[in-house]
Protein backbone atom coordinates (compact mmCIF):
# COMPACT_ATOMS: atom_id res chain seq x y z
CA GLN A 1 10.75 -12.92 6.51
CA GLY A 2 11.87 -9.58 5.42
CA GLN A 3 10.91 -10.05 1.74
CA LEU A 4 8.60 -7.09 1.80
CA VAL A 5 9.43 -3.94 3.76
CA GLU A 6 7.17 -0.90 3.76
CA SER A 7 7.98 2.48 4.46
CA GLY A 8 6.75 6.04 4.36
CA GLY A 9 3.92 6.12 6.86
CA GLY A 10 3.17 8.78 9.14
CA SER A 11 0.95 11.45 10.53
CA VAL A 12 -0.88 14.01 8.42
CA GLN A 13 -3.88 16.20 8.45
CA ALA A 14 -6.87 15.67 6.53
CA GLY A 15 -6.34 16.70 2.75
CA GLY A 16 -2.57 15.90 2.99
CA SER A 17 -0.73 13.48 1.27
CA LEU A 18 1.62 10.44 1.91
CA LYS A 19 3.60 8.07 -0.36
CA LEU A 20 4.21 4.62 0.93
CA SER A 21 6.98 2.34 -0.52
CA CYS A 22 7.33 -1.38 -0.35
CA ALA A 23 10.76 -2.96 -1.30
CA ALA A 24 10.60 -6.45 -2.46
CA SER A 25 12.92 -9.17 -3.31
CA GLY A 26 13.52 -9.66 -6.77
CA TYR A 27 11.95 -13.08 -6.76
CA ILE A 28 8.69 -11.95 -5.38
CA PHE A 29 8.70 -8.61 -7.62
CA SER A 30 8.99 -10.80 -10.78
CA THR A 31 6.70 -13.48 -9.95
CA CYS A 32 3.85 -11.97 -7.94
CA GLY A 33 0.98 -9.67 -8.38
CA MET A 34 1.30 -7.36 -5.54
CA GLY A 35 -0.92 -4.89 -3.65
CA TRP A 36 -1.80 -2.69 -0.79
CA TYR A 37 -3.90 -3.59 2.17
CA ARG A 38 -4.93 -1.81 5.54
CA GLN A 39 -6.18 -2.56 8.64
CA ALA A 40 -7.71 -0.26 11.14
CA PRO A 41 -8.23 -0.98 14.80
CA GLY A 42 -11.30 -3.32 15.34
CA ARG A 43 -11.75 -3.79 11.70
CA GLU A 44 -10.78 -6.67 9.27
CA ARG A 45 -7.73 -6.29 6.82
CA GLU A 46 -9.16 -4.97 3.64
CA TRP A 47 -7.54 -4.51 0.12
CA VAL A 48 -6.64 -1.01 -1.08
CA SER A 49 -5.14 -1.35 -4.42
CA ILE A 50 -3.60 -4.09 -6.43
CA ILE A 51 -1.36 -4.21 -9.26
CA ARG A 52 -1.37 -7.40 -11.32
CA ARG A 53 1.24 -8.92 -13.87
CA GLY A 54 0.58 -7.02 -16.94
CA ASP A 55 0.24 -3.89 -14.75
CA THR A 56 -3.23 -3.85 -14.44
CA THR A 57 -4.20 -1.72 -11.51
CA LEU A 58 -7.52 -2.07 -9.19
CA TYR A 59 -8.75 0.38 -6.68
CA ALA A 60 -11.07 -0.11 -3.70
CA GLY A 61 -13.94 2.24 -4.22
CA SER A 62 -13.05 4.20 -0.95
CA VAL A 63 -9.56 5.19 -2.43
CA LYS A 64 -10.40 5.56 -6.26
CA GLY A 65 -9.41 8.97 -7.49
CA ARG A 66 -7.38 9.64 -4.46
CA PHE A 67 -4.76 6.92 -4.26
CA THR A 68 -2.37 5.70 -7.09
CA VAL A 69 -0.28 2.50 -7.20
CA SER A 70 2.89 2.08 -9.23
CA GLN A 71 5.97 0.25 -9.38
CA ASP A 72 9.64 0.66 -10.06
CA ASN A 73 10.98 -2.42 -11.89
CA ALA A 74 14.55 -1.39 -11.54
CA LYS A 75 14.17 -1.05 -7.82
CA ASN A 76 11.81 -4.04 -6.96
CA THR A 77 9.46 -1.42 -5.38
CA LEU A 78 5.87 -0.90 -5.10
CA TYR A 79 4.56 2.46 -4.28
CA LEU A 80 1.11 3.95 -3.04
CA GLU A 81 0.65 7.57 -3.60
CA MET A 82 -2.14 8.75 -1.43
CA ASN A 83 -3.72 12.24 -1.87
CA SER A 84 -6.66 14.20 -0.31
CA LEU A 85 -6.40 11.72 2.83
CA LYS A 86 -9.31 11.32 5.07
CA THR A 87 -9.52 10.60 8.80
CA GLU A 88 -11.05 7.17 7.61
CA ASP A 89 -7.74 6.30 5.95
CA THR A 90 -6.17 5.91 9.40
CA ALA A 91 -4.84 2.30 9.53
CA MET A 92 -1.90 0.17 9.40
CA TYR A 93 -0.84 -0.23 5.80
CA TYR A 94 0.58 -3.68 4.55
CA CYS A 95 2.31 -4.75 1.48
CA GLY A 96 1.29 -8.15 0.19
CA ALA A 97 2.36 -10.38 -2.59
CA CYS A 98 0.98 -13.47 -4.20
CA GLY A 99 -1.42 -13.54 -1.38
CA VAL A 100 1.07 -15.17 0.95
CA TYR A 101 3.86 -12.79 1.47
CA TRP A 102 3.36 -9.68 3.85
CA GLY A 103 5.28 -6.84 4.98
CA GLN A 104 5.50 -5.61 8.68
CA GLY A 105 3.19 -2.76 8.11
CA THR A 106 3.60 1.05 8.37
CA GLN A 107 1.03 3.25 10.23
CA VAL A 108 -0.77 5.97 8.54
CA THR A 109 -2.68 8.49 10.86
CA VAL A 110 -4.77 11.13 9.45
CA SER A 111 -6.17 13.84 11.80
CA SER A 112 -8.99 16.26 11.20
């Protein structure tokens, strides 16, 4: 509990940008592949972007070219920079690690 803490969500207009942060414990950050996931109302949670051990990054097709995942090893923090946001990006965004650790989520709302 409390091992992953997201922040940075908010409300923006379409075309805007947000940068999410996920602060992790040192153990998780040094051990796990990490990623960002999102869940919109009435829909299942879907993966958005993953950064694997070795820094390989993957993006869902719906966000590729608009979102960028990165990490700061000194701060044990994962980031998701989101540009050219669309209304369909509206969701609760979660940070996940090792497939078993989850943050509490941060809400992103994009209005037209």
